[in-house]
C-alpha atoms as a PDB file:
ATOM      1  CA  MET A   1       0.000   0.000   0.000  1.00  0.00           C
ATOM      2  CA  GLU A   2       1.321   3.441  -0.935  1.00  0.00           C
ATOM      3  CA  LEU A   3       2.239   5.552   2.101  1.00  0.00           C
ATOM      4  CA  LYS A   4       0.608   8.942   2.399  1.00  0.00           C
ATOM      5  CA  ARG A   5       2.880  11.962   2.440  1.00  0.00           C
ATOM      6  CA  PRO A   6       2.657  13.703   5.830  1.00  0.00           C
ATOM      7  CA  ILE A   7       1.337  17.138   6.682  1.00  0.00           C
ATOM      8  CA  LEU A   8       4.093  19.276   8.220  1.00  0.00           C
ATOM      9  CA  LEU A   9       3.084  21.577  11.087  1.00  0.00           C
ATOM     10  CA  GLN A  10       5.589  24.183  12.272  1.00  0.00           C
ATOM     11  CA  GLY A  11       6.009  26.263  15.416  1.00  0.00           C
ATOM     12  CA  ALA A  12       9.093  28.127  16.573  1.00  0.00           C
ATOM     13  CA  MET A  13       8.794  27.602  20.322  1.00  0.00           C
ATOM     14  CA  GLU A  14       7.611  24.822  22.623  1.00  0.00           C
ATOM     15  CA  VAL A  15       4.484  26.787  23.509  1.00  0.00           C
ATOM     16  CA  GLU A  16       3.675  26.910  19.786  1.00  0.00           C
ATOM     17  CA  ILE A  17       3.719  23.125  19.308  1.00  0.00           C
ATOM     18  CA  ASN A  18       2.558  21.719  22.673  1.00  0.00           C
ATOM     19  CA  TYR A  19      -1.066  21.362  21.613  1.00  0.00           C
ATOM     20  CA  PHE A  20      -0.038  19.594  18.400  1.00  0.00           C
ATOM     21  CA  LYS A  21       2.025  17.092  20.378  1.00  0.00           C
ATOM     22  CA  GLU A  22      -0.942  16.315  22.606  1.00  0.00           C
ATOM     23  CA  ALA A  23      -3.307  15.956  19.635  1.00  0.00           C
ATOM     24  CA  ILE A  24      -1.375  13.363  17.622  1.00  0.00           C
ATOM     25  CA  THR A  25      -0.909   9.712  18.521  1.00  0.00           C
ATOM     26  CA  ASP A  26       2.123   7.407  18.329  1.00  0.00           C
ATOM     27  CA  LEU A  27       4.414  10.364  19.008  1.00  0.00           C
ATOM     28  CA  GLU A  28       8.045   9.770  18.065  1.00  0.00           C
ATOM     29  CA  LYS A  29      10.763  12.391  18.549  1.00  0.00           C
ATOM     30  CA  ILE A  30      13.389  12.708  15.820  1.00  0.00           C
ATOM     31  CA  GLU A  31      16.387  15.040  16.024  1.00  0.00           C
ATOM     32  CA  ILE A  32      18.260  16.066  12.873  1.00  0.00           C
ATOM     33  CA  TYR A  33      21.227  18.450  13.046  1.00  0.00           C
ATOM     34  CA  GLY A  34      19.937  19.796  16.354  1.00  0.00           C
ATOM     35  CA  TYR A  35      16.382  20.451  15.117  1.00  0.00           C
ATOM     36  CA  GLU A  36      13.474  18.653  16.758  1.00  0.00           C
ATOM     37  CA  PHE A  37      10.730  16.879  14.805  1.00  0.00           C
ATOM     38  CA  PHE A  38       7.866  14.747  16.079  1.00  0.00           C
ATOM     39  CA  ARG A  39       6.260  12.077  13.931  1.00  0.00           C
ATOM     40  CA  GLY A  40       2.807  10.687  14.623  1.00  0.00           C
ATOM     41  CA  ASN A  41      -0.748  10.335  13.365  1.00  0.00           C
ATOM     42  CA  PHE A  42      -3.935  12.325  13.584  1.00  0.00           C
ATOM     43  CA  GLU A  43      -7.177  10.539  12.690  1.00  0.00           C
ATOM     44  CA  GLY A  44      -5.061   7.974  10.880  1.00  0.00           C
ATOM     45  CA  TYR A  45      -3.153  10.508   8.787  1.00  0.00           C
ATOM     46  CA  PRO A  46       0.643  10.986   9.149  1.00  0.00           C
ATOM     47  CA  ILE A  47       1.757  14.246  10.749  1.00  0.00           C
ATOM     48  CA  ILE A  48       5.188  15.787  11.246  1.00  0.00           C
ATOM     49  CA  ILE A  49       5.561  18.506  13.893  1.00  0.00           C
ATOM     50  CA  SER A  50       8.580  20.759  13.547  1.00  0.00           C
ATOM     51  CA  LYS A  51      10.031  22.995  16.237  1.00  0.00           C
ATOM     52  CA  THR A  52      11.798  25.399  13.906  1.00  0.00           C
ATOM     53  CA  LYS A  53      13.424  27.590  16.587  1.00  0.00           C
ATOM     54  CA  VAL A  54      13.060  31.381  16.456  1.00  0.00           C
ATOM     55  CA  GLY A  55      14.338  33.471  13.557  1.00  0.00           C
ATOM     56  CA  LEU A  56      14.585  33.599   9.778  1.00  0.00           C
ATOM     57  CA  ILE A  57      17.728  31.493   9.405  1.00  0.00           C
ATOM     58  CA  GLU A  58      16.554  28.848  11.889  1.00  0.00           C
ATOM     59  CA  ALA A  59      13.188  28.537  10.141  1.00  0.00           C
ATOM     60  CA  SER A  60      14.843  28.280   6.709  1.00  0.00           C
ATOM     61  CA  ILE A  61      17.176  25.489   7.821  1.00  0.00           C
ATOM     62  CA  SER A  62      14.453  23.615   9.688  1.00  0.00           C
ATOM     63  CA  THR A  63      12.034  23.831   6.740  1.00  0.00           C
ATOM     64  CA  PHE A  64      14.629  22.541   4.291  1.00  0.00           C
ATOM     65  CA  ILE A  65      15.586  19.673   6.614  1.00  0.00           C
ATOM     66  CA  ALA A  66      11.929  18.719   7.051  1.00  0.00           C
ATOM     67  CA  ILE A  67      11.150  18.741   3.339  1.00  0.00           C
ATOM     68  CA  THR A  68      14.215  16.745   2.346  1.00  0.00           C
ATOM     69  CA  ASN A  69      13.787  14.168   5.123  1.00  0.00           C
ATOM     70  CA  PHE A  70      10.014  13.739   5.407  1.00  0.00           C
ATOM     71  CA  ASN A  71       8.686  14.733   1.948  1.00  0.00           C
ATOM     72  CA  PRO A  72       5.562  16.524   3.275  1.00  0.00           C
ATOM     73  CA  ILE A  73       2.583  17.085   1.024  1.00  0.00           C
ATOM     74  CA  LEU A  74       2.153  20.599   2.443  1.00  0.00           C
ATOM     75  CA  VAL A  75       3.497  22.875   5.170  1.00  0.00           C
ATOM     76  CA  ILE A  76       1.537  24.957   7.673  1.00  0.00           C
ATOM     77  CA  ASN A  77       3.659  27.508   9.539  1.00  0.00           C
ATOM     78  CA  GLN A  78       1.915  28.943  12.573  1.00  0.00           C
ATOM     79  CA  GLY A  79       2.439  30.649  15.884  1.00  0.00           C
ATOM     80  CA  THR A  80       2.162  34.052  17.520  1.00  0.00           C
ATOM     81  CA  ALA A  81       2.677  37.504  16.004  1.00  0.00           C
ATOM     82  CA  GLY A  82       2.588  41.147  17.032  1.00  0.00           C
ATOM     83  CA  ALA A  83      -0.154  43.266  15.503  1.00  0.00           C
ATOM     84  CA  CYS A  84       0.679  46.133  13.148  1.00  0.00           C
ATOM     85  CA  SER A  85      -2.892  47.439  13.046  1.00  0.00           C
ATOM     86  CA  LYS A  86      -5.005  48.984  15.787  1.00  0.00           C
ATOM     87  CA  SER A  87      -7.951  46.928  14.524  1.00  0.00           C
ATOM     88  CA  LEU A  88      -6.293  43.651  15.561  1.00  0.00           C
ATOM     89  CA  HIS A  89      -6.382  42.358  19.118  1.00  0.00           C
ATOM     90  CA  ILE A  90      -4.992  39.457  21.128  1.00  0.00           C
ATOM     91  CA  GLY A  91      -6.672  36.267  19.923  1.00  0.00           C
ATOM     92  CA  ASP A  92      -7.375  37.455  16.379  1.00  0.00           C
ATOM     93  CA  ILE A  93      -6.024  35.277  13.557  1.00  0.00           C
ATOM     94  CA  VAL A  94      -4.170  36.406  10.430  1.00  0.00           C
ATOM     95  CA  ILE A  95      -4.095  34.070   7.432  1.00  0.00           C
ATOM     96  CA  GLY A  96      -0.979  34.873   5.447  1.00  0.00           C
ATOM     97  CA  ASP A  97      -2.191  35.605   1.952  1.00  0.00           C
ATOM     98  CA  LYS A  98       1.265  37.073   1.357  1.00  0.00           C
ATOM     99  CA  CYS A  99       4.472  37.530   3.313  1.00  0.00           C
ATOM    100  CA  ILE A 100       7.335  40.026   3.041  1.00  0.00           C
ATOM    101  CA  ASN A 101      10.763  40.258   4.652  1.00  0.00           C
ATOM    102  CA  ILE A 102      10.717  43.350   6.892  1.00  0.00           C
ATOM    103  CA  ASN A 103      14.424  42.899   7.628  1.00  0.00           C
ATOM    104  CA  SER A 104      15.431  43.525   4.010  1.00  0.00           C
ATOM    105  CA  TYR A 105      15.699  47.252   3.325  1.00  0.00           C
ATOM    106  CA  ILE A 106      17.786  50.073   1.895  1.00  0.00           C
ATOM    107  CA  THR A 107      18.471  53.205   3.947  1.00  0.00           C
ATOM    108  CA  LYS A 108      18.494  56.769   2.632  1.00  0.00           C
ATOM    109  CA  PRO A 109      21.894  58.525   2.276  1.00  0.00           C
ATOM    110  CA  ARG A 110      22.765  60.626   5.333  1.00  0.00           C
ATOM    111  CA  LYS A 111      25.990  62.395   6.155  1.00  0.00           C
ATOM    112  CA  GLU A 112      27.998  61.862   9.304  1.00  0.00           C
ATOM    113  CA  LYS A 113      26.227  63.033  12.484  1.00  0.00           C
ATOM    114  CA  GLN A 114      22.881  63.350  10.689  1.00  0.00           C
ATOM    115  CA  GLY A 115      21.610  60.293  12.519  1.00  0.00           C
ATOM    116  CA  SER A 116      19.312  57.541  11.303  1.00  0.00           C
ATOM    117  CA  VAL A 117      15.621  57.811  10.414  1.00  0.00           C
ATOM    118  CA  SER A 118      14.073  54.373  10.004  1.00  0.00           C
ATOM    119  CA  LEU A 119      10.811  55.765   8.637  1.00  0.00           C
ATOM    120  CA  ASP A 120      12.756  56.942   5.567  1.00  0.00           C
ATOM    121  CA  TRP A 121      13.964  53.420   4.777  1.00  0.00           C
ATOM    122  CA  GLU A 122      12.508  51.355   1.924  1.00  0.00           C
ATOM    123  CA  LEU A 123      11.841  47.620   2.094  1.00  0.00           C
ATOM    124  CA  LEU A 124      13.713  45.879  -0.705  1.00  0.00           C
ATOM    125  CA  THR A 125      14.527  42.318  -1.757  1.00  0.00           C
ATOM    126  CA  PHE A 126      18.099  42.075  -2.983  1.00  0.00           C
ATOM    127  CA  LYS A 127      18.764  39.686  -5.848  1.00  0.00           C
ATOM    128  CA  ASP A 128      20.998  39.226  -8.863  1.00  0.00           C
ATOM    129  CA  GLY A 129      19.719  41.844 -11.264  1.00  0.00           C
ATOM    130  CA  LYS A 130      16.868  44.243 -10.560  1.00  0.00           C
ATOM    131  CA  ASP A 131      16.188  44.836  -6.870  1.00  0.00           C
ATOM    132  CA  GLU A 132      12.532  45.091  -5.840  1.00  0.00           C
ATOM    133  CA  LEU A 133      10.268  44.209  -2.948  1.00  0.00           C
ATOM    134  CA  ILE A 134       9.177  40.604  -3.413  1.00  0.00           C
ATOM    135  CA  GLU A 135       5.925  39.372  -1.917  1.00  0.00           C
ATOM    136  CA  LEU A 136       5.826  35.631  -1.295  1.00  0.00           C
ATOM    137  CA  ASN A 137       2.440  33.967  -1.773  1.00  0.00           C
ATOM    138  CA  SER A 138       0.700  31.213   0.129  1.00  0.00           C
ATOM    139  CA  ASP A 139      -1.036  28.351  -1.662  1.00  0.00           C
ATOM    140  CA  GLU A 140      -4.450  29.403  -2.943  1.00  0.00           C
ATOM    141  CA  GLU A 141      -6.226  26.132  -2.129  1.00  0.00           C
ATOM    142  CA  LEU A 142      -4.823  26.073   1.407  1.00  0.00           C
ATOM    143  CA  ARG A 143      -5.880  29.689   1.824  1.00  0.00           C
ATOM    144  CA  ASN A 144      -9.442  28.882   0.764  1.00  0.00           C
ATOM    145  CA  ILE A 145      -9.592  25.949   3.189  1.00  0.00           C
ATOM    146  CA  ALA A 146      -8.260  28.131   6.015  1.00  0.00           C
ATOM    147  CA  ILE A 147     -10.899  30.751   5.289  1.00  0.00           C
ATOM    148  CA  LYS A 148     -13.612  28.095   5.310  1.00  0.00           C
ATOM    149  CA  CYS A 149     -12.423  26.842   8.713  1.00  0.00           C
ATOM    150  CA  SER A 150     -12.622  30.340  10.160  1.00  0.00           C
ATOM    151  CA  ASN A 151     -16.305  29.696  10.863  1.00  0.00           C
ATOM    152  CA  SER A 152     -15.230  27.413  13.719  1.00  0.00           C
ATOM    153  CA  TYR A 153     -13.006  30.040  15.391  1.00  0.00           C
ATOM    154  CA  ASN A 154     -14.725  32.064  18.130  1.00  0.00           C
ATOM    155  CA  VAL A 155     -11.823  33.532  20.143  1.00  0.00           C
ATOM    156  CA  GLY A 156     -11.434  36.512  17.809  1.00  0.00           C
ATOM    157  CA  LYS A 157     -11.823  37.490  14.193  1.00  0.00           C
ATOM    158  CA  VAL A 158     -10.004  35.852  11.281  1.00  0.00           C
ATOM    159  CA  ILE A 159      -8.700  37.961   8.406  1.00  0.00           C
ATOM    160  CA  CYS A 160      -6.518  37.413   5.343  1.00  0.00           C
ATOM    161  CA  GLY A 161      -3.579  39.682   4.574  1.00  0.00           C
ATOM    162  CA  THR A 162       0.157  40.278   4.560  1.00  0.00           C
ATOM    163  CA  ILE A 163       2.479  38.965   7.258  1.00  0.00           C
ATOM    164  CA  GLY A 164       5.842  40.657   7.764  1.00  0.00           C
ATOM    165  CA  SER A 165       8.796  38.610   9.032  1.00  0.00           C
ATOM    166  CA  GLY A 166      12.134  39.717  10.401  1.00  0.00           C
ATOM    167  CA  ASP A 167      14.698  39.132  13.135  1.00  0.00           C
ATOM    168  CA  VAL A 168      13.414  42.077  15.144  1.00  0.00           C
ATOM    169  CA  TRP A 169      10.952  42.713  17.964  1.00  0.00           C
ATOM    170  CA  ASP A 170       9.423  46.122  17.151  1.00  0.00           C
ATOM    171  CA  ASN A 171       8.224  48.307  20.009  1.00  0.00           C
ATOM    172  CA  GLU A 172       8.275  51.678  18.211  1.00  0.00           C
ATOM    173  CA  ILE A 173       4.641  52.489  17.462  1.00  0.00           C
ATOM    174  CA  ASP A 174       5.416  54.839  14.553  1.00  0.00           C
ATOM    175  CA  ARG A 175       7.469  52.144  12.823  1.00  0.00           C
ATOM    176  CA  ILE A 176       4.845  49.471  13.496  1.00  0.00           C
ATOM    177  CA  LYS A 177       2.180  51.727  11.941  1.00  0.00           C
ATOM    178  CA  TRP A 178       4.563  52.505   9.053  1.00  0.00           C
ATOM    179  CA  PHE A 179       4.646  48.798   8.119  1.00  0.00           C
ATOM    180  CA  ASN A 180       0.858  48.750   8.084  1.00  0.00           C
ATOM    181  CA  GLU A 181       0.239  52.038   6.288  1.00  0.00           C
ATOM    182  CA  LYS A 182       2.974  51.760   3.640  1.00  0.00           C
ATOM    183  CA  TYR A 183       3.143  47.998   3.067  1.00  0.00           C
ATOM    184  CA  MET A 184      -0.235  46.850   4.463  1.00  0.00           C
ATOM    185  CA  VAL A 185       1.467  44.464   6.902  1.00  0.00           C
ATOM    186  CA  LEU A 186      -1.106  43.192   9.406  1.00  0.00           C
ATOM    187  CA  CYS A 187       1.293  41.522  11.822  1.00  0.00           C
ATOM    188  CA  GLU A 188       4.940  40.618  12.208  1.00  0.00           C
ATOM    189  CA  ASP A 189       6.752  37.464  13.242  1.00  0.00           C
ATOM    190  CA  MET A 190      10.196  35.930  12.793  1.00  0.00           C
ATOM    191  CA  GLU A 191       9.640  32.829  10.643  1.00  0.00           C
ATOM    192  CA  THR A 192       6.853  32.901   8.039  1.00  0.00           C
ATOM    193  CA  THR A 193       8.778  34.444   5.154  1.00  0.00           C
ATOM    194  CA  SER A 194      11.469  31.746   5.514  1.00  0.00           C
ATOM    195  CA  THR A 195       8.931  28.941   5.196  1.00  0.00           C
ATOM    196  CA  TYR A 196       7.277  30.606   2.204  1.00  0.00           C
ATOM    197  CA  SER A 197      10.631  31.132   0.492  1.00  0.00           C
ATOM    198  CA  VAL A 198      11.851  27.541   0.918  1.00  0.00           C
ATOM    199  CA  CYS A 199       8.480  25.967   0.076  1.00  0.00           C
ATOM    200  CA  ASN A 200       7.970  28.138  -3.008  1.00  0.00           C
ATOM    201  CA  LYS A 201      11.394  27.186  -4.312  1.00  0.00           C
ATOM    202  CA  LEU A 202      10.762  23.467  -3.699  1.00  0.00           C
ATOM    203  CA  ASN A 203       7.152  23.562  -4.979  1.00  0.00           C
ATOM    204  CA  ILE A 204       5.569  22.564  -1.664  1.00  0.00           C
ATOM    205  CA  PRO A 205       2.160  24.156  -0.909  1.00  0.00           C
ATOM    206  CA  THR A 206       2.362  26.312   2.216  1.00  0.00           C
ATOM    207  CA  ILE A 207       0.411  28.754   4.311  1.00  0.00           C
ATOM    208  CA  GLY A 208       1.084  30.843   7.414  1.00  0.00           C
ATOM    209  CA  ILE A 209      -1.383  31.171  10.270  1.00  0.00           C
ATOM    210  CA  ARG A 210      -0.660  33.679  13.046  1.00  0.00           C
ATOM    211  CA  VAL A 211      -2.554  34.468  16.223  1.00  0.00           C
ATOM    212  CA  ILE A 212      -2.094  37.982  17.598  1.00  0.00           C
ATOM    213  CA  SER A 213      -0.218  37.836  20.904  1.00  0.00           C
ATOM    214  CA  ASP A 214       0.350  41.566  21.487  1.00  0.00           C
ATOM    215  CA  ASN A 215      -0.399  45.009  20.096  1.00  0.00           C
ATOM    216  CA  GLU A 216       1.838  47.939  21.034  1.00  0.00           C
ATOM    217  CA  ILE A 217      -0.537  50.401  19.344  1.00  0.00           C
ATOM    218  CA  THR A 218      -3.419  49.474  21.637  1.00  0.00           C
ATOM    219  CA  ASN A 219      -1.168  48.702  24.633  1.00  0.00           C
ATOM    220  CA  GLU A 220      -2.039  44.983  24.670  1.00  0.00           C
ATOM    221  CA  LYS A 221       0.952  43.238  26.231  1.00  0.00           C
ATOM    222  CA  TYR A 222       2.517  39.989  25.010  1.00  0.00           C
ATOM    223  CA  ASP A 223       0.650  36.820  25.965  1.00  0.00           C
ATOM    224  CA  LYS A 224       2.566  33.748  24.783  1.00  0.00           C
ATOM    225  CA  ASN A 225      -0.143  31.391  26.036  1.00  0.00           C
ATOM    226  CA  ILE A 226      -2.515  32.559  23.289  1.00  0.00           C
ATOM    227  CA  ALA A 227      -0.387  30.330  21.016  1.00  0.00           C
ATOM    228  CA  ILE A 228      -2.714  27.425  21.801  1.00  0.00           C
ATOM    229  CA  GLU A 229      -5.514  29.121  19.844  1.00  0.00           C
ATOM    230  CA  SER A 230      -3.504  29.156  16.636  1.00  0.00           C
ATOM    231  CA  GLN A 231      -2.794  25.437  17.053  1.00  0.00           C
ATOM    232  CA  LYS A 232      -6.446  24.638  17.689  1.00  0.00           C
ATOM    233  CA  TYR A 233      -7.422  26.554  14.570  1.00  0.00           C
ATOM    234  CA  VAL A 234      -4.764  24.807  12.498  1.00  0.00           C
ATOM    235  CA  MET A 235      -6.027  21.419  13.647  1.00  0.00           C
ATOM    236  CA  GLU A 236      -9.450  22.342  12.236  1.00  0.00           C
ATOM    237  CA  ILE A 237      -7.699  22.983   8.923  1.00  0.00           C
ATOM    238  CA  VAL A 238      -5.947  19.621   9.233  1.00  0.00           C
ATOM    239  CA  LYS A 239      -9.304  17.899   9.847  1.00  0.00           C
ATOM    240  CA  GLU A 240     -10.676  19.492   6.692  1.00  0.00           C
ATOM    241  CA  LEU A 241      -7.611  18.434   4.707  1.00  0.00           C
ATOM    242  CA  ILE A 242      -7.956  14.847   5.922  1.00  0.00           C
ATOM    243  CA  ARG A 243     -11.669  14.892   5.120  1.00  0.00           C
ATOM    244  CA  ARG A 244     -10.735  15.865   1.559  1.00  0.00           C
ATOM    245  CA  ASP A 245      -7.996  13.209   1.572  1.00  0.00           C
ATOM    246  CA  VAL A 246      -5.536  16.101   1.159  1.00  0.00           C
END
């Protein structure tokens, strides 16, 4: 009998994968080059859980290791994120229609002792040839399934939009609002753009799901425990995928 290709579920921190580990059966821990993976089953379907670690480079390495070792049929990257819009609150969900790298930018020329003005910077994707801001896309079918499953989520609202990723924890409200107003970024994290980049290059369908854990604009302080809500929501997506036989 042909073995089914597993669904790969990602979270950067332990709190972002704990619920997954409790939900799947026959849990087996596998460590590859210092990265932790957990193999098991959910409703008879094979699942791989990946603890990517925090940050763009860590998520890139972990995603590549997972794809080359486990051959997943699709990848769902999820976890917590800080809001970049005053309309988002702790417990709301952002489905990553698109993702951009908010760590990739060009600064404006300034002479010595003129200081630095981050709101004058431009986001840019550097590549061989013409430099431009590249938006990475999620898989359309996965996005539609995620939207359908939003009917089951009652902790907050669910919206589709752009996720920004970078190795930075922004606390400057003007800069946070700048991401939203200039680039329409709804929230920021430290991993999604890495998963999108690797999966797009290797032709693996992927989507990012982020639950809002804090909002500096509205003075809502970081709550890491809200991470369980993203995992619960993702498991509803997994149920739907299994129902459709992926």
